[in-house]
Amino acid sequence: MLISPAFIRSLLLTSTFSFVLPIVLLGGVLALLSAAEQIPLIEAIAQGGATKLLQFLSVFGSGDPLQGILVIGLTCALVGGLFDTYAFYRHQNLRDG
């Protein structure tokens, strides 16, 4: 069975978006919390939230938040790629049958 170029293109796009989306989402939340630290009334809440988020990312990165966010991104990319492969397989079987 030949692998079609459309499948490869779809798999690469899905994996790329699945990798980038959690990184952008977590980075955006961290940036929002950092910006909220500048507001005097919610400074303590935002600082606590940023600390908890960095601790959460450190769990997945063996103590390093940057490695943690990369691990989460790679995991999401793998799951997205597997889902795209499954969807392509189901589409091929339903189309032929």
PDB file of N, CA and C in Angstrom:
ATOM      1  N   MET A   1       0.833  -1.173   0.000  1.00  0.00           N
ATOM      2  CA  MET A   1       0.000   0.000   0.000  1.00  0.00           C
ATOM      3  C   MET A   1       0.883   1.243   0.000  1.00  0.00           C
ATOM      4  N   LEU A   2       0.646   2.120  -0.938  1.00  0.00           N
ATOM      5  CA  LEU A   2       1.406   3.353  -1.032  1.00  0.00           C
ATOM      6  C   LEU A   2       0.834   4.410  -0.093  1.00  0.00           C
ATOM      7  N   ILE A   3       1.723   5.194   0.465  1.00  0.00           N
ATOM      8  CA  ILE A   3       1.293   6.300   1.320  1.00  0.00           C
ATOM      9  C   ILE A   3       1.111   7.518   0.426  1.00  0.00           C
ATOM     10  N   SER A   4      -0.072   8.067   0.438  1.00  0.00           N
ATOM     11  CA  SER A   4      -0.363   9.184  -0.454  1.00  0.00           C
ATOM     12  C   SER A   4       0.237  10.484   0.086  1.00  0.00           C
ATOM     13  N   PRO A   5       0.584  11.389  -0.824  1.00  0.00           N
ATOM     14  CA  PRO A   5       1.114  12.689  -0.394  1.00  0.00           C
ATOM     15  C   PRO A   5       0.095  13.487   0.429  1.00  0.00           C
ATOM     16  N   ALA A   6      -1.185  13.292   0.147  1.00  0.00           N
ATOM     17  CA  ALA A   6      -2.217  13.997   0.913  1.00  0.00           C
ATOM     18  C   ALA A   6      -2.204  13.540   2.376  1.00  0.00           C
ATOM     19  N   PHE A   7      -1.976  12.253   2.594  1.00  0.00           N
ATOM     20  CA  PHE A   7      -1.911  11.741   3.963  1.00  0.00           C
ATOM     21  C   PHE A   7      -0.700  12.305   4.694  1.00  0.00           C
ATOM     22  N   ILE A   8       0.448  12.336   4.040  1.00  0.00           N
ATOM     23  CA  ILE A   8       1.666  12.864   4.663  1.00  0.00           C
ATOM     24  C   ILE A   8       1.480  14.340   5.001  1.00  0.00           C
ATOM     25  N   ARG A   9       0.911  15.109   4.079  1.00  0.00           N
ATOM     26  CA  ARG A   9       0.673  16.532   4.307  1.00  0.00           C
ATOM     27  C   ARG A   9      -0.283  16.728   5.485  1.00  0.00           C
ATOM     28  N   SER A  10      -1.350  15.945   5.506  1.00  0.00           N
ATOM     29  CA  SER A  10      -2.321  16.036   6.597  1.00  0.00           C
ATOM     30  C   SER A  10      -1.691  15.653   7.927  1.00  0.00           C
ATOM     31  N   LEU A  11      -0.888  14.613   7.925  1.00  0.00           N
ATOM     32  CA  LEU A  11      -0.237  14.161   9.153  1.00  0.00           C
ATOM     33  C   LEU A  11       0.743  15.208   9.683  1.00  0.00           C
ATOM     34  N   LEU A  12       1.513  15.822   8.792  1.00  0.00           N
ATOM     35  CA  LEU A  12       2.459  16.859   9.217  1.00  0.00           C
ATOM     36  C   LEU A  12       1.742  18.094   9.751  1.00  0.00           C
ATOM     37  N   LEU A  13       0.686  18.514   9.072  1.00  0.00           N
ATOM     38  CA  LEU A  13      -0.068  19.677   9.542  1.00  0.00           C
ATOM     39  C   LEU A  13      -0.735  19.409  10.887  1.00  0.00           C
ATOM     40  N   THR A  14      -1.341  18.239  11.018  1.00  0.00           N
ATOM     41  CA  THR A  14      -2.002  17.899  12.271  1.00  0.00           C
ATOM     42  C   THR A  14      -1.000  17.817  13.412  1.00  0.00           C
ATOM     43  N   SER A  15       0.120  17.180  13.177  1.00  0.00           N
ATOM     44  CA  SER A  15       1.139  17.061  14.226  1.00  0.00           C
ATOM     45  C   SER A  15       1.711  18.430  14.598  1.00  0.00           C
ATOM     46  N   THR A  16       1.924  19.277  13.611  1.00  0.00           N
ATOM     47  CA  THR A  16       2.466  20.612  13.885  1.00  0.00           C
ATOM     48  C   THR A  16       1.488  21.441  14.706  1.00  0.00           C
ATOM     49  N   PHE A  17       0.234  21.470  14.289  1.00  0.00           N
ATOM     50  CA  PHE A  17      -0.754  22.243  15.035  1.00  0.00           C
ATOM     51  C   PHE A  17      -0.981  21.659  16.422  1.00  0.00           C
ATOM     52  N   SER A  18      -0.952  20.339  16.528  1.00  0.00           N
ATOM     53  CA  SER A  18      -1.139  19.704  17.829  1.00  0.00           C
ATOM     54  C   SER A  18       0.043  19.973  18.757  1.00  0.00           C
ATOM     55  N   PHE A  19       1.214  20.212  18.206  1.00  0.00           N
ATOM     56  CA  PHE A  19       2.385  20.557  19.003  1.00  0.00           C
ATOM     57  C   PHE A  19       2.344  22.018  19.440  1.00  0.00           C
ATOM     58  N   VAL A  20       1.985  22.888  18.517  1.00  0.00           N
ATOM     59  CA  VAL A  20       2.046  24.327  18.779  1.00  0.00           C
ATOM     60  C   VAL A  20       0.909  24.797  19.682  1.00  0.00           C
ATOM     61  N   LEU A  21      -0.279  24.234  19.536  1.00  0.00           N
ATOM     62  CA  LEU A  21      -1.438  24.722  20.273  1.00  0.00           C
ATOM     63  C   LEU A  21      -1.273  24.682  21.792  1.00  0.00           C
ATOM     64  N   PRO A  22      -0.852  23.573  22.411  1.00  0.00           N
ATOM     65  CA  PRO A  22      -0.698  23.607  23.871  1.00  0.00           C
ATOM     66  C   PRO A  22       0.418  24.538  24.336  1.00  0.00           C
ATOM     67  N   ILE A  23       1.463  24.680  23.526  1.00  0.00           N
ATOM     68  CA  ILE A  23       2.544  25.587  23.892  1.00  0.00           C
ATOM     69  C   ILE A  23       2.044  27.026  23.885  1.00  0.00           C
ATOM     70  N   VAL A  24       1.300  27.393  22.847  1.00  0.00           N
ATOM     71  CA  VAL A  24       0.752  28.747  22.771  1.00  0.00           C
ATOM     72  C   VAL A  24      -0.273  28.983  23.878  1.00  0.00           C
ATOM     73  N   LEU A  25      -1.111  27.978  24.129  1.00  0.00           N
ATOM     74  CA  LEU A  25      -2.130  28.112  25.159  1.00  0.00           C
ATOM     75  C   LEU A  25      -1.508  28.285  26.553  1.00  0.00           C
ATOM     76  N   LEU A  26      -0.582  27.417  26.911  1.00  0.00           N
ATOM     77  CA  LEU A  26       0.067  27.529  28.220  1.00  0.00           C
ATOM     78  C   LEU A  26       0.931  28.786  28.315  1.00  0.00           C
ATOM     79  N   GLY A  27       1.601  29.134  27.228  1.00  0.00           N
ATOM     80  CA  GLY A  27       2.383  30.372  27.213  1.00  0.00           C
ATOM     81  C   GLY A  27       1.508  31.603  27.344  1.00  0.00           C
ATOM     82  N   GLY A  28       0.335  31.566  26.712  1.00  0.00           N
ATOM     83  CA  GLY A  28      -0.598  32.683  26.828  1.00  0.00           C
ATOM     84  C   GLY A  28      -1.145  32.832  28.238  1.00  0.00           C
ATOM     85  N   VAL A  29      -1.457  31.715  28.874  1.00  0.00           N
ATOM     86  CA  VAL A  29      -1.936  31.762  30.262  1.00  0.00           C
ATOM     87  C   VAL A  29      -0.838  32.305  31.168  1.00  0.00           C
ATOM     88  N   LEU A  30       0.393  31.867  30.942  1.00  0.00           N
ATOM     89  CA  LEU A  30       1.507  32.352  31.757  1.00  0.00           C
ATOM     90  C   LEU A  30       1.751  33.838  31.516  1.00  0.00           C
ATOM     91  N   ALA A  31       1.650  34.288  30.268  1.00  0.00           N
ATOM     92  CA  ALA A  31       1.814  35.717  29.962  1.00  0.00           C
ATOM     93  C   ALA A  31       0.680  36.536  30.571  1.00  0.00           C
ATOM     94  N   LEU A  32      -0.533  36.007  30.526  1.00  0.00           N
ATOM     95  CA  LEU A  32      -1.677  36.706  31.121  1.00  0.00           C
ATOM     96  C   LEU A  32      -1.506  36.832  32.637  1.00  0.00           C
ATOM     97  N   LEU A  33      -1.040  35.765  33.267  1.00  0.00           N
ATOM     98  CA  LEU A  33      -0.799  35.826  34.708  1.00  0.00           C
ATOM     99  C   LEU A  33       0.334  36.795  35.046  1.00  0.00           C
ATOM    100  N   SER A  34       1.353  36.829  34.204  1.00  0.00           N
ATOM    101  CA  SER A  34       2.454  37.767  34.434  1.00  0.00           C
ATOM    102  C   SER A  34       1.988  39.212  34.269  1.00  0.00           C
ATOM    103  N   ALA A  35       1.115  39.443  33.307  1.00  0.00           N
ATOM    104  CA  ALA A  35       0.568  40.786  33.124  1.00  0.00           C
ATOM    105  C   ALA A  35      -0.360  41.153  34.271  1.00  0.00           C
ATOM    106  N   ALA A  36      -1.103  40.184  34.788  1.00  0.00           N
ATOM    107  CA  ALA A  36      -2.018  40.444  35.901  1.00  0.00           C
ATOM    108  C   ALA A  36      -1.264  40.732  37.194  1.00  0.00           C
ATOM    109  N   GLU A  37      -0.011  40.321  37.280  1.00  0.00           N
ATOM    110  CA  GLU A  37       0.790  40.624  38.468  1.00  0.00           C
ATOM    111  C   GLU A  37       1.052  42.116  38.608  1.00  0.00           C
ATOM    112  N   GLN A  38       0.873  42.881  37.543  1.00  0.00           N
ATOM    113  CA  GLN A  38       1.107  44.322  37.578  1.00  0.00           C
ATOM    114  C   GLN A  38      -0.081  45.088  38.167  1.00  0.00           C
ATOM    115  N   ILE A  39      -1.223  44.419  38.294  1.00  0.00           N
ATOM    116  CA  ILE A  39      -2.415  45.043  38.861  1.00  0.00           C
ATOM    117  C   ILE A  39      -2.369  44.828  40.377  1.00  0.00           C
ATOM    118  N   PRO A  40      -2.379  45.908  41.150  1.00  0.00           N
ATOM    119  CA  PRO A  40      -2.171  45.774  42.604  1.00  0.00           C
ATOM    120  C   PRO A  40      -3.205  44.909  43.321  1.00  0.00           C
ATOM    121  N   LEU A  41      -4.462  44.934  42.934  1.00  0.00           N
ATOM    122  CA  LEU A  41      -5.486  44.209  43.673  1.00  0.00           C
ATOM    123  C   LEU A  41      -5.420  42.689  43.492  1.00  0.00           C
ATOM    124  N   ILE A  42      -4.929  42.238  42.362  1.00  0.00           N
ATOM    125  CA  ILE A  42      -4.895  40.796  42.111  1.00  0.00           C
ATOM    126  C   ILE A  42      -3.464  40.272  41.950  1.00  0.00           C
ATOM    127  N   GLU A  43      -2.514  41.041  42.443  1.00  0.00           N
ATOM    128  CA  GLU A  43      -1.104  40.659  42.310  1.00  0.00           C
ATOM    129  C   GLU A  43      -0.808  39.318  42.972  1.00  0.00           C
ATOM    130  N   ALA A  44      -1.302  39.113  44.170  1.00  0.00           N
ATOM    131  CA  ALA A  44      -1.007  37.876  44.911  1.00  0.00           C
ATOM    132  C   ALA A  44      -1.654  36.665  44.243  1.00  0.00           C
ATOM    133  N   ILE A  45      -2.870  36.836  43.748  1.00  0.00           N
ATOM    134  CA  ILE A  45      -3.565  35.730  43.075  1.00  0.00           C
ATOM    135  C   ILE A  45      -2.842  35.348  41.785  1.00  0.00           C
ATOM    136  N   ALA A  46      -2.451  36.342  41.002  1.00  0.00           N
ATOM    137  CA  ALA A  46      -1.763  36.077  39.738  1.00  0.00           C
ATOM    138  C   ALA A  46      -0.386  35.454  39.985  1.00  0.00           C
ATOM    139  N   GLN A  47       0.293  35.935  40.990  1.00  0.00           N
ATOM    140  CA  GLN A  47       1.622  35.379  41.295  1.00  0.00           C
ATOM    141  C   GLN A  47       1.500  33.929  41.758  1.00  0.00           C
ATOM    142  N   GLY A  48       0.503  33.637  42.567  1.00  0.00           N
ATOM    143  CA  GLY A  48       0.275  32.257  43.009  1.00  0.00           C
ATOM    144  C   GLY A  48      -0.101  31.354  41.850  1.00  0.00           C
ATOM    145  N   GLY A  49      -0.926  31.865  40.934  1.00  0.00           N
ATOM    146  CA  GLY A  49      -1.310  31.076  39.755  1.00  0.00           C
ATOM    147  C   GLY A  49      -0.126  30.785  38.852  1.00  0.00           C
ATOM    148  N   ALA A  50       0.727  31.790  38.645  1.00  0.00           N
ATOM    149  CA  ALA A  50       1.916  31.582  37.811  1.00  0.00           C
ATOM    150  C   ALA A  50       2.865  30.575  38.459  1.00  0.00           C
ATOM    151  N   THR A  51       3.009  30.665  39.773  1.00  0.00           N
ATOM    152  CA  THR A  51       3.874  29.718  40.485  1.00  0.00           C
ATOM    153  C   THR A  51       3.344  28.297  40.366  1.00  0.00           C
ATOM    154  N   LYS A  52       2.030  28.141  40.539  1.00  0.00           N
ATOM    155  CA  LYS A  52       1.424  26.806  40.429  1.00  0.00           C
ATOM    156  C   LYS A  52       1.551  26.248  39.020  1.00  0.00           C
ATOM    157  N   LEU A  53       1.383  27.102  38.013  1.00  0.00           N
ATOM    158  CA  LEU A  53       1.519  26.646  36.625  1.00  0.00           C
ATOM    159  C   LEU A  53       2.953  26.217  36.334  1.00  0.00           C
ATOM    160  N   LEU A  54       3.921  26.975  36.815  1.00  0.00           N
ATOM    161  CA  LEU A  54       5.325  26.600  36.614  1.00  0.00           C
ATOM    162  C   LEU A  54       5.664  25.308  37.360  1.00  0.00           C
ATOM    163  N   GLN A  55       5.083  25.113  38.536  1.00  0.00           N
ATOM    164  CA  GLN A  55       5.295  23.858  39.262  1.00  0.00           C
ATOM    165  C   GLN A  55       4.664  22.691  38.512  1.00  0.00           C
ATOM    166  N   PHE A  56       3.488  22.909  37.941  1.00  0.00           N
ATOM    167  CA  PHE A  56       2.820  21.881  37.144  1.00  0.00           C
ATOM    168  C   PHE A  56       3.676  21.488  35.941  1.00  0.00           C
ATOM    169  N   LEU A  57       4.233  22.479  35.253  1.00  0.00           N
ATOM    170  CA  LEU A  57       5.083  22.189  34.100  1.00  0.00           C
ATOM    171  C   LEU A  57       6.384  21.516  34.528  1.00  0.00           C
ATOM    172  N   SER A  58       6.877  21.856  35.698  1.00  0.00           N
ATOM    173  CA  SER A  58       8.108  21.241  36.207  1.00  0.00           C
ATOM    174  C   SER A  58       7.928  19.750  36.461  1.00  0.00           C
ATOM    175  N   VAL A  59       6.731  19.338  36.804  1.00  0.00           N
ATOM    176  CA  VAL A  59       6.467  17.909  37.039  1.00  0.00           C
ATOM    177  C   VAL A  59       6.726  17.111  35.768  1.00  0.00           C
ATOM    178  N   PHE A  60       6.288  17.633  34.634  1.00  0.00           N
ATOM    179  CA  PHE A  60       6.453  16.921  33.376  1.00  0.00           C
ATOM    180  C   PHE A  60       7.853  17.075  32.787  1.00  0.00           C
ATOM    181  N   GLY A  61       8.595  18.067  33.250  1.00  0.00           N
ATOM    182  CA  GLY A  61       9.924  18.311  32.705  1.00  0.00           C
ATOM    183  C   GLY A  61      11.052  17.947  33.635  1.00  0.00           C
ATOM    184  N   SER A  62      10.819  17.094  34.603  1.00  0.00           N
ATOM    185  CA  SER A  62      11.836  16.677  35.568  1.00  0.00           C
ATOM    186  C   SER A  62      12.494  17.876  36.249  1.00  0.00           C
ATOM    187  N   GLY A  63      11.669  18.839  36.619  1.00  0.00           N
ATOM    188  CA  GLY A  63      12.169  20.003  37.343  1.00  0.00           C
ATOM    189  C   GLY A  63      12.339  21.246  36.502  1.00  0.00           C
ATOM    190  N   ASP A  64      12.221  21.152  35.194  1.00  0.00           N
ATOM    191  CA  ASP A  64      12.391  22.301  34.311  1.00  0.00           C
ATOM    192  C   ASP A  64      11.070  22.602  33.596  1.00  0.00           C
ATOM    193  N   PRO A  65      10.491  23.783  33.804  1.00  0.00           N
ATOM    194  CA  PRO A  65       9.208  24.097  33.166  1.00  0.00           C
ATOM    195  C   PRO A  65       9.270  24.108  31.636  1.00  0.00           C
ATOM    196  N   LEU A  66      10.407  24.534  31.075  1.00  0.00           N
ATOM    197  CA  LEU A  66      10.526  24.560  29.616  1.00  0.00           C
ATOM    198  C   LEU A  66      10.484  23.145  29.040  1.00  0.00           C
ATOM    199  N   GLN A  67      11.171  22.222  29.681  1.00  0.00           N
ATOM    200  CA  GLN A  67      11.100  20.830  29.237  1.00  0.00           C
ATOM    201  C   GLN A  67       9.701  20.268  29.424  1.00  0.00           C
ATOM    202  N   GLY A  68       9.025  20.699  30.474  1.00  0.00           N
ATOM    203  CA  GLY A  68       7.660  20.244  30.721  1.00  0.00           C
ATOM    204  C   GLY A  68       6.705  20.668  29.625  1.00  0.00           C
ATOM    205  N   ILE A  69       6.822  21.906  29.189  1.00  0.00           N
ATOM    206  CA  ILE A  69       5.927  22.373  28.133  1.00  0.00           C
ATOM    207  C   ILE A  69       6.250  21.683  26.806  1.00  0.00           C
ATOM    208  N   LEU A  70       7.514  21.362  26.587  1.00  0.00           N
ATOM    209  CA  LEU A  70       7.891  20.627  25.372  1.00  0.00           C
ATOM    210  C   LEU A  70       7.374  19.187  25.411  1.00  0.00           C
ATOM    211  N   VAL A  71       7.424  18.565  26.582  1.00  0.00           N
ATOM    212  CA  VAL A  71       6.894  17.207  26.724  1.00  0.00           C
ATOM    213  C   VAL A  71       5.392  17.191  26.461  1.00  0.00           C
ATOM    214  N   ILE A  72       4.688  18.165  26.997  1.00  0.00           N
ATOM    215  CA  ILE A  72       3.249  18.247  26.756  1.00  0.00           C
ATOM    216  C   ILE A  72       2.967  18.484  25.273  1.00  0.00           C
ATOM    217  N   GLY A  73       3.735  19.351  24.637  1.00  0.00           N
ATOM    218  CA  GLY A  73       3.563  19.600  23.208  1.00  0.00           C
ATOM    219  C   GLY A  73       3.840  18.368  22.363  1.00  0.00           C
ATOM    220  N   LEU A  74       4.910  17.649  22.676  1.00  0.00           N
ATOM    221  CA  LEU A  74       5.237  16.434  21.921  1.00  0.00           C
ATOM    222  C   LEU A  74       4.186  15.349  22.112  1.00  0.00           C
ATOM    223  N   THR A  75       3.660  15.247  23.331  1.00  0.00           N
ATOM    224  CA  THR A  75       2.611  14.262  23.595  1.00  0.00           C
ATOM    225  C   THR A  75       1.350  14.592  22.810  1.00  0.00           C
ATOM    226  N   CYS A  76       0.983  15.858  22.802  1.00  0.00           N
ATOM    227  CA  CYS A  76      -0.199  16.271  22.028  1.00  0.00           C
ATOM    228  C   CYS A  76       0.027  16.057  20.527  1.00  0.00           C
ATOM    229  N   ALA A  77       1.244  16.283  20.043  1.00  0.00           N
ATOM    230  CA  ALA A  77       1.545  16.054  18.633  1.00  0.00           C
ATOM    231  C   ALA A  77       1.422  14.573  18.287  1.00  0.00           C
ATOM    232  N   LEU A  78       1.892  13.709  19.171  1.00  0.00           N
ATOM    233  CA  LEU A  78       1.775  12.271  18.944  1.00  0.00           C
ATOM    234  C   LEU A  78       0.312  11.835  18.916  1.00  0.00           C
ATOM    235  N   VAL A  79      -0.467  12.319  19.865  1.00  0.00           N
ATOM    236  CA  VAL A  79      -1.886  11.958  19.910  1.00  0.00           C
ATOM    237  C   VAL A  79      -2.623  12.503  18.690  1.00  0.00           C
ATOM    238  N   GLY A  80      -2.315  13.717  18.290  1.00  0.00           N
ATOM    239  CA  GLY A  80      -2.928  14.288  17.094  1.00  0.00           C
ATOM    240  C   GLY A  80      -2.573  13.503  15.840  1.00  0.00           C
ATOM    241  N   GLY A  81      -1.313  13.082  15.746  1.00  0.00           N
ATOM    242  CA  GLY A  81      -0.893  12.268  14.602  1.00  0.00           C
ATOM    243  C   GLY A  81      -1.578  10.913  14.576  1.00  0.00           C
ATOM    244  N   LEU A  82      -1.705  10.292  15.743  1.00  0.00           N
ATOM    245  CA  LEU A  82      -2.404   9.015  15.809  1.00  0.00           C
ATOM    246  C   LEU A  82      -3.879   9.167  15.440  1.00  0.00           C
ATOM    247  N   PHE A  83      -4.503  10.233  15.902  1.00  0.00           N
ATOM    248  CA  PHE A  83      -5.903  10.467  15.559  1.00  0.00           C
ATOM    249  C   PHE A  83      -6.065  10.711  14.060  1.00  0.00           C
ATOM    250  N   ASP A  84      -5.156  11.478  13.469  1.00  0.00           N
ATOM    251  CA  ASP A  84      -5.226  11.734  12.028  1.00  0.00           C
ATOM    252  C   ASP A  84      -5.019  10.443  11.238  1.00  0.00           C
ATOM    253  N   THR A  85      -4.105   9.592  11.689  1.00  0.00           N
ATOM    254  CA  THR A  85      -3.886   8.306  11.028  1.00  0.00           C
ATOM    255  C   THR A  85      -5.133   7.439  11.104  1.00  0.00           C
ATOM    256  N   TYR A  86      -5.773   7.412  12.269  1.00  0.00           N
ATOM    257  CA  TYR A  86      -7.002   6.646  12.434  1.00  0.00           C
ATOM    258  C   TYR A  86      -8.117   7.196  11.534  1.00  0.00           C
ATOM    259  N   ALA A  87      -8.260   8.512  11.499  1.00  0.00           N
ATOM    260  CA  ALA A  87      -9.303   9.121  10.665  1.00  0.00           C
ATOM    261  C   ALA A  87      -9.048   8.828   9.192  1.00  0.00           C
ATOM    262  N   PHE A  88      -7.789   8.869   8.766  1.00  0.00           N
ATOM    263  CA  PHE A  88      -7.466   8.567   7.371  1.00  0.00           C
ATOM    264  C   PHE A  88      -7.765   7.104   7.054  1.00  0.00           C
ATOM    265  N   TYR A  89      -7.422   6.208   7.980  1.00  0.00           N
ATOM    266  CA  TYR A  89      -7.691   4.783   7.795  1.00  0.00           C
ATOM    267  C   TYR A  89      -9.191   4.520   7.695  1.00  0.00           C
ATOM    268  N   ARG A  90      -9.968   5.131   8.598  1.00  0.00           N
ATOM    269  CA  ARG A  90     -11.423   4.951   8.570  1.00  0.00           C
ATOM    270  C   ARG A  90     -12.025   5.521   7.295  1.00  0.00           C
ATOM    271  N   HIS A  91     -11.507   6.649   6.851  1.00  0.00           N
ATOM    272  CA  HIS A  91     -12.013   7.265   5.620  1.00  0.00           C
ATOM    273  C   HIS A  91     -11.745   6.350   4.418  1.00  0.00           C
ATOM    274  N   GLN A  92     -10.563   5.753   4.372  1.00  0.00           N
ATOM    275  CA  GLN A  92     -10.230   4.848   3.276  1.00  0.00           C
ATOM    276  C   GLN A  92     -11.134   3.620   3.285  1.00  0.00           C
ATOM    277  N   ASN A  93     -11.392   3.041   4.479  1.00  0.00           N
ATOM    278  CA  ASN A  93     -12.211   1.847   4.573  1.00  0.00           C
ATOM    279  C   ASN A  93     -13.669   2.150   4.268  1.00  0.00           C
ATOM    280  N   LEU A  94     -14.185   3.267   4.708  1.00  0.00           N
ATOM    281  CA  LEU A  94     -15.580   3.613   4.455  1.00  0.00           C
ATOM    282  C   LEU A  94     -15.796   3.968   2.985  1.00  0.00           C
ATOM    283  N   ARG A  95     -14.803   4.563   2.357  1.00  0.00           N
ATOM    284  CA  ARG A  95     -14.909   4.945   0.953  1.00  0.00           C
ATOM    285  C   ARG A  95     -14.885   3.708   0.043  1.00  0.00           C
ATOM    286  N   ASP A  96     -14.039   2.741   0.402  1.00  0.00           N
ATOM    287  CA  ASP A  96     -13.907   1.524  -0.421  1.00  0.00           C
ATOM    288  C   ASP A  96     -15.064   0.564  -0.205  1.00  0.00           C
ATOM    289  N   GLY A  97     -15.639   0.548   0.983  1.00  0.00           N
ATOM    290  CA  GLY A  97     -16.658  -0.430   1.326  1.00  0.00           C
ATOM    291  C   GLY A  97     -17.992   0.058   1.009  1.00  0.00           C
TER     292      GLY A  97
END
